[in-house]
């Protein structure tokens, strides 16, 4: 066999091998190739900075979705908390349209809420992880409309101060490149009001805590508590240190952060310097 014939045969074999890979490989392209499902990245979801220390009873369900992790309260049919990290890239590539189809969470094993529980209740289906934070993937958009991510929320709060804070979080994600968020309902009394045939409990208030890393490597944090009613559109009125928020909740937030960094960050808050919160309503 001459040299020219050998080269031709090698080229043909290479082409056939490449074609075999594309025709028969079981690797299919991802719908969102820029992002990786956190449930398959090899890390323990409960070791992430945004996850609170688990103080709930053992029957609380910890569920990890692509965009957020939650602790679900089967007795109250609402989350104990919802936590996620919001990246600048997720905010900037969030182009998917809002779905507005609320469905039960297929990962919840125990009792849960259904959409009919909210119909005619007088309360909004209030997102904890908001749809506008989950636009970076069709999967995250769908999962944020699971009712495990929802609480009965006063309409004026949902469309007012709570919405303003959600906008602020996206602004901070662009500024810091990443923000860790944990939020959820607060129940101040033993026998809360409920809605629907499944007795979905109505929170007395809601909390949200934010953590971000400054350019110098230190951390900034802030906490908020809003009563479940119409609130002033001035976020600073509801701001507090994360230490103060933890005392109110009886929870240890951001406990996976280095202990010294956590102690320093959670003891103070600067709504104007670190978080650029304005007294007037945000409109961006």
C-alpha atoms as a PDB file:
ATOM      1  CA  UNK A   1       0.000   0.000   0.000  1.00  0.00           C
ATOM      2  CA  UNK A   2       1.506   3.303  -1.028  1.00  0.00           C
ATOM      3  CA  UNK A   3       1.729   6.366   1.203  1.00  0.00           C
ATOM      4  CA  UNK A   4      -1.029   8.263  -0.624  1.00  0.00           C
ATOM      5  CA  UNK A   5      -3.512   5.388  -0.236  1.00  0.00           C
ATOM      6  CA  UNK A   6      -2.700   5.077   3.505  1.00  0.00           C
ATOM      7  CA  UNK A   7      -3.412   8.754   4.085  1.00  0.00           C
ATOM      8  CA  UNK A   8      -6.771   8.510   2.270  1.00  0.00           C
ATOM      9  CA  UNK A   9      -7.805   5.486   4.363  1.00  0.00           C
ATOM     10  CA  UNK A  10      -6.888   7.285   7.622  1.00  0.00           C
ATOM     11  CA  UNK A  11      -8.950  10.329   6.626  1.00  0.00           C
ATOM     12  CA  UNK A  12     -11.987   8.150   5.823  1.00  0.00           C
ATOM     13  CA  UNK A  13     -11.709   6.334   9.170  1.00  0.00           C
ATOM     14  CA  UNK A  14     -11.508   9.661  11.035  1.00  0.00           C
ATOM     15  CA  UNK A  15     -14.630  10.956   9.286  1.00  0.00           C
ATOM     16  CA  UNK A  16     -16.521   7.753  10.046  1.00  0.00           C
ATOM     17  CA  UNK A  17     -15.496   7.890  13.695  1.00  0.00           C
ATOM     18  CA  UNK A  18     -16.701  11.475  14.076  1.00  0.00           C
ATOM     19  CA  UNK A  19     -19.985  10.645  12.396  1.00  0.00           C
ATOM     20  CA  UNK A  20     -20.493   7.679  14.711  1.00  0.00           C
ATOM     21  CA  UNK A  21     -20.049   9.891  17.752  1.00  0.00           C
ATOM     22  CA  UNK A  22     -22.707  12.409  16.655  1.00  0.00           C
ATOM     23  CA  UNK A  23     -25.146   9.745  15.450  1.00  0.00           C
ATOM     24  CA  UNK A  24     -24.902   7.321  18.353  1.00  0.00           C
ATOM     25  CA  UNK A  25     -23.668   9.252  21.355  1.00  0.00           C
ATOM     26  CA  UNK A  26     -26.259   9.417  24.146  1.00  0.00           C
ATOM     27  CA  UNK A  27     -25.102  12.913  25.088  1.00  0.00           C
ATOM     28  CA  UNK A  28     -27.831  15.357  24.123  1.00  0.00           C
ATOM     29  CA  UNK A  29     -27.332  19.123  24.089  1.00  0.00           C
ATOM     30  CA  UNK A  30     -28.689  20.950  27.119  1.00  0.00           C
ATOM     31  CA  UNK A  31     -31.545  23.392  26.676  1.00  0.00           C
ATOM     32  CA  UNK A  32     -29.526  25.867  28.746  1.00  0.00           C
ATOM     33  CA  UNK A  33     -25.891  24.977  27.991  1.00  0.00           C
ATOM     34  CA  UNK A  34     -24.488  27.916  29.947  1.00  0.00           C
ATOM     35  CA  UNK A  35     -25.793  26.617  33.263  1.00  0.00           C
ATOM     36  CA  UNK A  36     -25.352  23.419  35.250  1.00  0.00           C
ATOM     37  CA  UNK A  37     -28.038  21.860  37.397  1.00  0.00           C
ATOM     38  CA  UNK A  38     -26.746  22.331  40.987  1.00  0.00           C
ATOM     39  CA  UNK A  39     -28.194  18.963  41.992  1.00  0.00           C
ATOM     40  CA  UNK A  40     -25.568  17.212  39.838  1.00  0.00           C
ATOM     41  CA  UNK A  41     -22.520  19.361  40.508  1.00  0.00           C
ATOM     42  CA  UNK A  42     -21.221  16.982  43.163  1.00  0.00           C
ATOM     43  CA  UNK A  43     -21.672  19.338  46.129  1.00  0.00           C
ATOM     44  CA  UNK A  44     -23.855  18.856  49.146  1.00  0.00           C
ATOM     45  CA  UNK A  45     -26.689  21.405  48.803  1.00  0.00           C
ATOM     46  CA  UNK A  46     -26.881  21.781  52.581  1.00  0.00           C
ATOM     47  CA  UNK A  47     -23.254  22.939  52.703  1.00  0.00           C
ATOM     48  CA  UNK A  48     -23.931  26.067  50.651  1.00  0.00           C
ATOM     49  CA  UNK A  49     -23.635  29.472  52.261  1.00  0.00           C
ATOM     50  CA  UNK A  50     -27.291  30.438  51.761  1.00  0.00           C
ATOM     51  CA  UNK A  51     -28.695  27.408  53.626  1.00  0.00           C
ATOM     52  CA  UNK A  52     -29.789  28.057  57.240  1.00  0.00           C
ATOM     53  CA  UNK A  53     -28.899  25.650  60.018  1.00  0.00           C
ATOM     54  CA  UNK A  54     -31.705  23.125  60.237  1.00  0.00           C
ATOM     55  CA  UNK A  55     -33.589  23.688  63.473  1.00  0.00           C
ATOM     56  CA  UNK A  56     -36.955  22.349  62.319  1.00  0.00           C
ATOM     57  CA  UNK A  57     -38.452  19.025  63.338  1.00  0.00           C
ATOM     58  CA  UNK A  58     -37.132  15.981  61.544  1.00  0.00           C
ATOM     59  CA  UNK A  59     -40.284  15.703  59.417  1.00  0.00           C
ATOM     60  CA  UNK A  60     -39.517  18.969  57.587  1.00  0.00           C
ATOM     61  CA  UNK A  61     -38.708  18.140  53.968  1.00  0.00           C
ATOM     62  CA  UNK A  62     -35.542  19.577  52.456  1.00  0.00           C
ATOM     63  CA  UNK A  63     -36.045  19.807  48.699  1.00  0.00           C
ATOM     64  CA  UNK A  64     -33.466  20.944  46.165  1.00  0.00           C
ATOM     65  CA  UNK A  65     -34.613  22.420  42.885  1.00  0.00           C
ATOM     66  CA  UNK A  66     -32.416  23.729  40.113  1.00  0.00           C
ATOM     67  CA  UNK A  67     -32.648  27.376  41.180  1.00  0.00           C
ATOM     68  CA  UNK A  68     -33.353  27.165  44.903  1.00  0.00           C
ATOM     69  CA  UNK A  69     -33.485  24.912  47.964  1.00  0.00           C
ATOM     70  CA  UNK A  70     -36.346  24.904  50.442  1.00  0.00           C
ATOM     71  CA  UNK A  71     -37.452  23.430  53.733  1.00  0.00           C
ATOM     72  CA  UNK A  72     -41.113  22.470  53.429  1.00  0.00           C
ATOM     73  CA  UNK A  73     -43.525  22.480  56.354  1.00  0.00           C
ATOM     74  CA  UNK A  74     -46.079  19.737  55.692  1.00  0.00           C
ATOM     75  CA  UNK A  75     -48.180  20.759  58.692  1.00  0.00           C
ATOM     76  CA  UNK A  76     -48.558  24.370  57.531  1.00  0.00           C
ATOM     77  CA  UNK A  77     -48.377  23.684  53.751  1.00  0.00           C
ATOM     78  CA  UNK A  78     -45.852  26.490  53.222  1.00  0.00           C
ATOM     79  CA  UNK A  79     -42.039  26.597  53.181  1.00  0.00           C
ATOM     80  CA  UNK A  80     -40.102  27.140  56.395  1.00  0.00           C
ATOM     81  CA  UNK A  81     -37.489  28.882  54.276  1.00  0.00           C
ATOM     82  CA  UNK A  82     -36.358  29.202  50.662  1.00  0.00           C
ATOM     83  CA  UNK A  83     -32.690  29.852  49.876  1.00  0.00           C
ATOM     84  CA  UNK A  84     -30.682  30.464  46.718  1.00  0.00           C
ATOM     85  CA  UNK A  85     -27.663  32.245  45.285  1.00  0.00           C
ATOM     86  CA  UNK A  86     -28.471  34.775  42.583  1.00  0.00           C
ATOM     87  CA  UNK A  87     -25.684  35.418  40.080  1.00  0.00           C
ATOM     88  CA  UNK A  88     -25.174  38.425  37.849  1.00  0.00           C
ATOM     89  CA  UNK A  89     -25.148  36.090  34.828  1.00  0.00           C
ATOM     90  CA  UNK A  90     -28.567  34.746  35.808  1.00  0.00           C
ATOM     91  CA  UNK A  91     -30.016  38.244  36.071  1.00  0.00           C
ATOM     92  CA  UNK A  92     -28.477  39.371  32.785  1.00  0.00           C
ATOM     93  CA  UNK A  93     -29.614  36.276  30.838  1.00  0.00           C
ATOM     94  CA  UNK A  94     -33.062  36.101  32.399  1.00  0.00           C
ATOM     95  CA  UNK A  95     -35.190  36.385  29.267  1.00  0.00           C
ATOM     96  CA  UNK A  96     -37.813  33.663  29.710  1.00  0.00           C
ATOM     97  CA  UNK A  97     -41.391  34.850  30.076  1.00  0.00           C
ATOM     98  CA  UNK A  98     -43.342  34.395  33.268  1.00  0.00           C
ATOM     99  CA  UNK A  99     -45.465  31.236  33.292  1.00  0.00           C
ATOM    100  CA  UNK A 100     -48.147  31.996  35.932  1.00  0.00           C
ATOM    101  CA  UNK A 101     -49.146  28.345  36.253  1.00  0.00           C
ATOM    102  CA  UNK A 102     -49.031  27.352  39.914  1.00  0.00           C
ATOM    103  CA  UNK A 103     -48.758  23.610  40.497  1.00  0.00           C
ATOM    104  CA  UNK A 104     -48.094  21.251  43.413  1.00  0.00           C
ATOM    105  CA  UNK A 105     -44.452  20.335  43.927  1.00  0.00           C
ATOM    106  CA  UNK A 106     -43.914  16.772  42.651  1.00  0.00           C
ATOM    107  CA  UNK A 107     -41.001  16.365  45.096  1.00  0.00           C
ATOM    108  CA  UNK A 108     -43.091  16.965  48.226  1.00  0.00           C
ATOM    109  CA  UNK A 109     -43.827  13.627  49.867  1.00  0.00           C
ATOM    110  CA  UNK A 110     -46.301  14.764  52.502  1.00  0.00           C
ATOM    111  CA  UNK A 111     -49.343  17.022  52.479  1.00  0.00           C
ATOM    112  CA  UNK A 112     -49.096  20.232  50.498  1.00  0.00           C
ATOM    113  CA  UNK A 113     -51.077  23.156  49.131  1.00  0.00           C
ATOM    114  CA  UNK A 114     -53.046  23.186  45.888  1.00  0.00           C
ATOM    115  CA  UNK A 115     -53.916  26.112  43.683  1.00  0.00           C
ATOM    116  CA  UNK A 116     -57.614  25.852  44.587  1.00  0.00           C
ATOM    117  CA  UNK A 117     -56.707  26.677  48.203  1.00  0.00           C
ATOM    118  CA  UNK A 118     -55.844  30.222  47.118  1.00  0.00           C
ATOM    119  CA  UNK A 119     -58.872  30.815  44.897  1.00  0.00           C
ATOM    120  CA  UNK A 120     -61.181  33.366  46.510  1.00  0.00           C
ATOM    121  CA  UNK A 121     -59.020  33.500  49.660  1.00  0.00           C
ATOM    122  CA  UNK A 122     -58.206  37.194  49.425  1.00  0.00           C
ATOM    123  CA  UNK A 123     -54.470  36.408  49.439  1.00  0.00           C
ATOM    124  CA  UNK A 124     -51.908  36.407  46.652  1.00  0.00           C
ATOM    125  CA  UNK A 125     -49.778  33.396  45.862  1.00  0.00           C
ATOM    126  CA  UNK A 126     -46.656  35.107  47.163  1.00  0.00           C
ATOM    127  CA  UNK A 127     -43.388  33.782  45.730  1.00  0.00           C
ATOM    128  CA  UNK A 128     -40.437  33.350  48.056  1.00  0.00           C
ATOM    129  CA  UNK A 129     -37.971  32.784  45.189  1.00  0.00           C
ATOM    130  CA  UNK A 130     -39.472  35.249  42.674  1.00  0.00           C
ATOM    131  CA  UNK A 131     -40.125  34.444  39.042  1.00  0.00           C
ATOM    132  CA  UNK A 132     -37.947  37.345  37.889  1.00  0.00           C
ATOM    133  CA  UNK A 133     -34.933  35.709  39.614  1.00  0.00           C
ATOM    134  CA  UNK A 134     -35.595  32.402  37.872  1.00  0.00           C
ATOM    135  CA  UNK A 135     -35.820  33.480  34.230  1.00  0.00           C
ATOM    136  CA  UNK A 136     -32.415  32.060  33.317  1.00  0.00           C
ATOM    137  CA  UNK A 137     -33.799  28.580  32.590  1.00  0.00           C
ATOM    138  CA  UNK A 138     -37.152  27.141  31.559  1.00  0.00           C
ATOM    139  CA  UNK A 139     -36.746  24.581  34.333  1.00  0.00           C
ATOM    140  CA  UNK A 140     -36.129  27.181  37.039  1.00  0.00           C
ATOM    141  CA  UNK A 141     -39.081  29.213  35.776  1.00  0.00           C
ATOM    142  CA  UNK A 142     -41.361  26.194  36.012  1.00  0.00           C
ATOM    143  CA  UNK A 143     -40.079  25.161  39.448  1.00  0.00           C
ATOM    144  CA  UNK A 144     -40.498  28.614  40.987  1.00  0.00           C
ATOM    145  CA  UNK A 145     -44.251  28.234  40.386  1.00  0.00           C
ATOM    146  CA  UNK A 146     -44.411  25.130  42.555  1.00  0.00           C
ATOM    147  CA  UNK A 147     -46.701  25.869  45.482  1.00  0.00           C
ATOM    148  CA  UNK A 148     -43.925  24.757  47.844  1.00  0.00           C
ATOM    149  CA  UNK A 149     -42.321  28.117  46.977  1.00  0.00           C
ATOM    150  CA  UNK A 150     -45.482  30.091  47.763  1.00  0.00           C
ATOM    151  CA  UNK A 151     -47.221  31.556  50.826  1.00  0.00           C
ATOM    152  CA  UNK A 152     -50.532  33.386  51.276  1.00  0.00           C
ATOM    153  CA  UNK A 153     -49.451  37.022  51.035  1.00  0.00           C
ATOM    154  CA  UNK A 154     -51.272  40.317  51.303  1.00  0.00           C
ATOM    155  CA  UNK A 155     -51.692  41.741  47.799  1.00  0.00           C
ATOM    156  CA  UNK A 156     -50.449  45.220  48.687  1.00  0.00           C
ATOM    157  CA  UNK A 157     -47.301  43.764  50.259  1.00  0.00           C
ATOM    158  CA  UNK A 158     -46.728  41.373  47.361  1.00  0.00           C
ATOM    159  CA  UNK A 159     -46.998  44.118  44.742  1.00  0.00           C
ATOM    160  CA  UNK A 160     -45.441  46.801  46.949  1.00  0.00           C
ATOM    161  CA  UNK A 161     -42.553  46.665  49.413  1.00  0.00           C
ATOM    162  CA  UNK A 162     -41.863  42.926  48.912  1.00  0.00           C
ATOM    163  CA  UNK A 163     -41.620  43.496  45.161  1.00  0.00           C
ATOM    164  CA  UNK A 164     -39.370  46.503  45.725  1.00  0.00           C
ATOM    165  CA  UNK A 165     -36.967  44.340  47.745  1.00  0.00           C
ATOM    166  CA  UNK A 166     -36.959  41.670  45.030  1.00  0.00           C
ATOM    167  CA  UNK A 167     -35.903  44.341  42.530  1.00  0.00           C
ATOM    168  CA  UNK A 168     -33.204  45.499  44.927  1.00  0.00           C
ATOM    169  CA  UNK A 169     -31.822  41.957  45.182  1.00  0.00           C
ATOM    170  CA  UNK A 170     -31.424  41.784  41.396  1.00  0.00           C
ATOM    171  CA  UNK A 171     -29.693  45.145  41.423  1.00  0.00           C
ATOM    172  CA  UNK A 172     -27.283  43.911  44.097  1.00  0.00           C
ATOM    173  CA  UNK A 173     -26.597  40.700  42.167  1.00  0.00           C
ATOM    174  CA  UNK A 174     -25.419  42.842  39.272  1.00  0.00           C
ATOM    175  CA  UNK A 175     -23.336  45.018  41.598  1.00  0.00           C
ATOM    176  CA  UNK A 176     -21.699  42.250  43.650  1.00  0.00           C
ATOM    177  CA  UNK A 177     -21.804  39.587  40.894  1.00  0.00           C
ATOM    178  CA  UNK A 178     -23.513  37.279  43.412  1.00  0.00           C
ATOM    179  CA  UNK A 179     -25.961  37.578  46.315  1.00  0.00           C
ATOM    180  CA  UNK A 180     -27.021  34.847  48.734  1.00  0.00           C
ATOM    181  CA  UNK A 181     -30.705  35.027  49.682  1.00  0.00           C
ATOM    182  CA  UNK A 182     -32.808  33.262  52.299  1.00  0.00           C
ATOM    183  CA  UNK A 183     -36.433  34.162  52.987  1.00  0.00           C
ATOM    184  CA  UNK A 184     -39.663  32.751  54.318  1.00  0.00           C
ATOM    185  CA  UNK A 185     -42.741  33.194  56.478  1.00  0.00           C
ATOM    186  CA  UNK A 186     -42.952  34.128  60.139  1.00  0.00           C
ATOM    187  CA  UNK A 187     -45.682  32.760  62.416  1.00  0.00           C
ATOM    188  CA  UNK A 188     -46.034  34.679  65.654  1.00  0.00           C
ATOM    189  CA  UNK A 189     -48.964  32.766  67.131  1.00  0.00           C
ATOM    190  CA  UNK A 190     -49.734  29.092  67.703  1.00  0.00           C
ATOM    191  CA  UNK A 191     -53.041  29.075  65.816  1.00  0.00           C
ATOM    192  CA  UNK A 192     -52.598  31.086  62.623  1.00  0.00           C
ATOM    193  CA  UNK A 193     -55.392  31.750  60.188  1.00  0.00           C
ATOM    194  CA  UNK A 194     -55.663  29.384  57.261  1.00  0.00           C
ATOM    195  CA  UNK A 195     -57.136  29.264  53.772  1.00  0.00           C
ATOM    196  CA  UNK A 196     -58.526  26.514  51.559  1.00  0.00           C
ATOM    197  CA  UNK A 197     -59.626  22.967  52.171  1.00  0.00           C
ATOM    198  CA  UNK A 198     -56.015  21.965  52.836  1.00  0.00           C
ATOM    199  CA  UNK A 199     -55.680  24.557  55.616  1.00  0.00           C
ATOM    200  CA  UNK A 200     -52.756  26.497  54.184  1.00  0.00           C
ATOM    201  CA  UNK A 201     -51.518  28.648  57.060  1.00  0.00           C
ATOM    202  CA  UNK A 202     -51.363  32.417  56.627  1.00  0.00           C
ATOM    203  CA  UNK A 203     -48.064  33.955  57.849  1.00  0.00           C
ATOM    204  CA  UNK A 204     -48.078  36.914  60.196  1.00  0.00           C
ATOM    205  CA  UNK A 205     -44.957  38.322  58.543  1.00  0.00           C
ATOM    206  CA  UNK A 206     -42.145  37.552  56.117  1.00  0.00           C
ATOM    207  CA  UNK A 207     -38.371  37.737  56.403  1.00  0.00           C
ATOM    208  CA  UNK A 208     -35.545  38.046  53.932  1.00  0.00           C
ATOM    209  CA  UNK A 209     -31.798  38.070  54.562  1.00  0.00           C
ATOM    210  CA  UNK A 210     -29.072  38.987  52.071  1.00  0.00           C
ATOM    211  CA  UNK A 211     -25.345  38.298  52.062  1.00  0.00           C
ATOM    212  CA  UNK A 212     -22.742  39.459  49.551  1.00  0.00           C
ATOM    213  CA  UNK A 213     -18.974  39.503  49.253  1.00  0.00           C
ATOM    214  CA  UNK A 214     -17.305  42.882  48.926  1.00  0.00           C
ATOM    215  CA  UNK A 215     -14.367  43.493  46.607  1.00  0.00           C
ATOM    216  CA  UNK A 216     -11.970  43.450  49.580  1.00  0.00           C
ATOM    217  CA  UNK A 217     -13.081  39.908  50.482  1.00  0.00           C
ATOM    218  CA  UNK A 218     -15.201  40.853  53.498  1.00  0.00           C
ATOM    219  CA  UNK A 219     -18.938  40.220  53.670  1.00  0.00           C
ATOM    220  CA  UNK A 220     -21.971  42.509  53.938  1.00  0.00           C
ATOM    221  CA  UNK A 221     -25.361  41.366  55.207  1.00  0.00           C
ATOM    222  CA  UNK A 222     -28.790  42.762  55.966  1.00  0.00           C
ATOM    223  CA  UNK A 223     -32.126  41.421  57.173  1.00  0.00           C
ATOM    224  CA  UNK A 224     -35.734  42.515  56.668  1.00  0.00           C
ATOM    225  CA  UNK A 225     -39.076  41.717  58.295  1.00  0.00           C
ATOM    226  CA  UNK A 226     -42.383  42.808  56.748  1.00  0.00           C
ATOM    227  CA  UNK A 227     -45.782  42.307  58.406  1.00  0.00           C
ATOM    228  CA  UNK A 228     -48.223  40.502  56.131  1.00  0.00           C
ATOM    229  CA  UNK A 229     -50.146  43.642  55.266  1.00  0.00           C
ATOM    230  CA  UNK A 230     -49.709  46.790  53.214  1.00  0.00           C
ATOM    231  CA  UNK A 231     -46.329  48.316  54.149  1.00  0.00           C
ATOM    232  CA  UNK A 232     -44.588  51.625  53.617  1.00  0.00           C
ATOM    233  CA  UNK A 233     -42.556  51.707  50.394  1.00  0.00           C
ATOM    234  CA  UNK A 234     -39.379  52.547  52.337  1.00  0.00           C
ATOM    235  CA  UNK A 235     -37.309  49.411  52.782  1.00  0.00           C
ATOM    236  CA  UNK A 236     -35.092  50.919  55.469  1.00  0.00           C
ATOM    237  CA  UNK A 237     -38.062  50.951  57.855  1.00  0.00           C
ATOM    238  CA  UNK A 238     -38.007  47.139  57.889  1.00  0.00           C
ATOM    239  CA  UNK A 239     -34.226  46.605  57.830  1.00  0.00           C
ATOM    240  CA  UNK A 240     -32.164  45.121  60.669  1.00  0.00           C
ATOM    241  CA  UNK A 241     -28.932  43.259  61.241  1.00  0.00           C
ATOM    242  CA  UNK A 242     -28.925  39.544  60.503  1.00  0.00           C
ATOM    243  CA  UNK A 243     -28.095  38.967  64.184  1.00  0.00           C
ATOM    244  CA  UNK A 244     -31.329  40.745  65.126  1.00  0.00           C
ATOM    245  CA  UNK A 245     -33.243  38.779  62.525  1.00  0.00           C
ATOM    246  CA  UNK A 246     -31.819  35.481  63.797  1.00  0.00           C
ATOM    247  CA  UNK A 247     -32.916  36.332  67.328  1.00  0.00           C
ATOM    248  CA  UNK A 248     -36.428  36.970  66.060  1.00  0.00           C
ATOM    249  CA  UNK A 249     -36.534  33.760  64.005  1.00  0.00           C
ATOM    250  CA  UNK A 250     -34.632  31.431  66.297  1.00  0.00           C
ATOM    251  CA  UNK A 251     -32.567  30.379  63.284  1.00  0.00           C
ATOM    252  CA  UNK A 252     -28.892  30.462  62.351  1.00  0.00           C
ATOM    253  CA  UNK A 253     -28.675  31.997  58.881  1.00  0.00           C
ATOM    254  CA  UNK A 254     -25.632  31.668  56.600  1.00  0.00           C
ATOM    255  CA  UNK A 255     -24.100  29.297  59.141  1.00  0.00           C
ATOM    256  CA  UNK A 256     -21.898  27.627  56.493  1.00  0.00           C
ATOM    257  CA  UNK A 257     -19.940  30.853  56.175  1.00  0.00           C
ATOM    258  CA  UNK A 258     -16.638  30.974  58.054  1.00  0.00           C
ATOM    259  CA  UNK A 259     -17.496  31.657  61.701  1.00  0.00           C
ATOM    260  CA  UNK A 260     -15.357  34.788  62.082  1.00  0.00           C
ATOM    261  CA  UNK A 261     -16.610  36.258  58.816  1.00  0.00           C
ATOM    262  CA  UNK A 262     -20.178  35.415  59.791  1.00  0.00           C
ATOM    263  CA  UNK A 263     -19.909  37.047  63.216  1.00  0.00           C
ATOM    264  CA  UNK A 264     -18.479  40.225  61.714  1.00  0.00           C
ATOM    265  CA  UNK A 265     -20.918  40.484  58.832  1.00  0.00           C
ATOM    266  CA  UNK A 266     -24.105  39.709  60.740  1.00  0.00           C
ATOM    267  CA  UNK A 267     -23.488  42.179  63.583  1.00  0.00           C
ATOM    268  CA  UNK A 268     -23.859  45.304  61.433  1.00  0.00           C
ATOM    269  CA  UNK A 269     -25.824  46.488  58.441  1.00  0.00           C
ATOM    270  CA  UNK A 270     -25.509  49.527  56.197  1.00  0.00           C
ATOM    271  CA  UNK A 271     -28.615  49.888  53.999  1.00  0.00           C
ATOM    272  CA  UNK A 272     -27.249  52.921  52.175  1.00  0.00           C
ATOM    273  CA  UNK A 273     -23.548  52.109  51.780  1.00  0.00           C
ATOM    274  CA  UNK A 274     -23.468  48.348  51.320  1.00  0.00           C
ATOM    275  CA  UNK A 275     -26.915  47.940  49.781  1.00  0.00           C
ATOM    276  CA  UNK A 276     -27.612  51.301  48.112  1.00  0.00           C
ATOM    277  CA  UNK A 277     -31.238  51.246  49.257  1.00  0.00           C
ATOM    278  CA  UNK A 278     -33.128  54.414  48.512  1.00  0.00           C
ATOM    279  CA  UNK A 279     -36.006  55.766  50.554  1.00  0.00           C
ATOM    280  CA  UNK A 280     -38.158  56.212  47.496  1.00  0.00           C
ATOM    281  CA  UNK A 281     -39.745  53.431  45.481  1.00  0.00           C
ATOM    282  CA  UNK A 282     -37.413  51.673  43.074  1.00  0.00           C
ATOM    283  CA  UNK A 283     -38.716  51.811  39.530  1.00  0.00           C
ATOM    284  CA  UNK A 284     -35.942  50.113  37.533  1.00  0.00           C
END
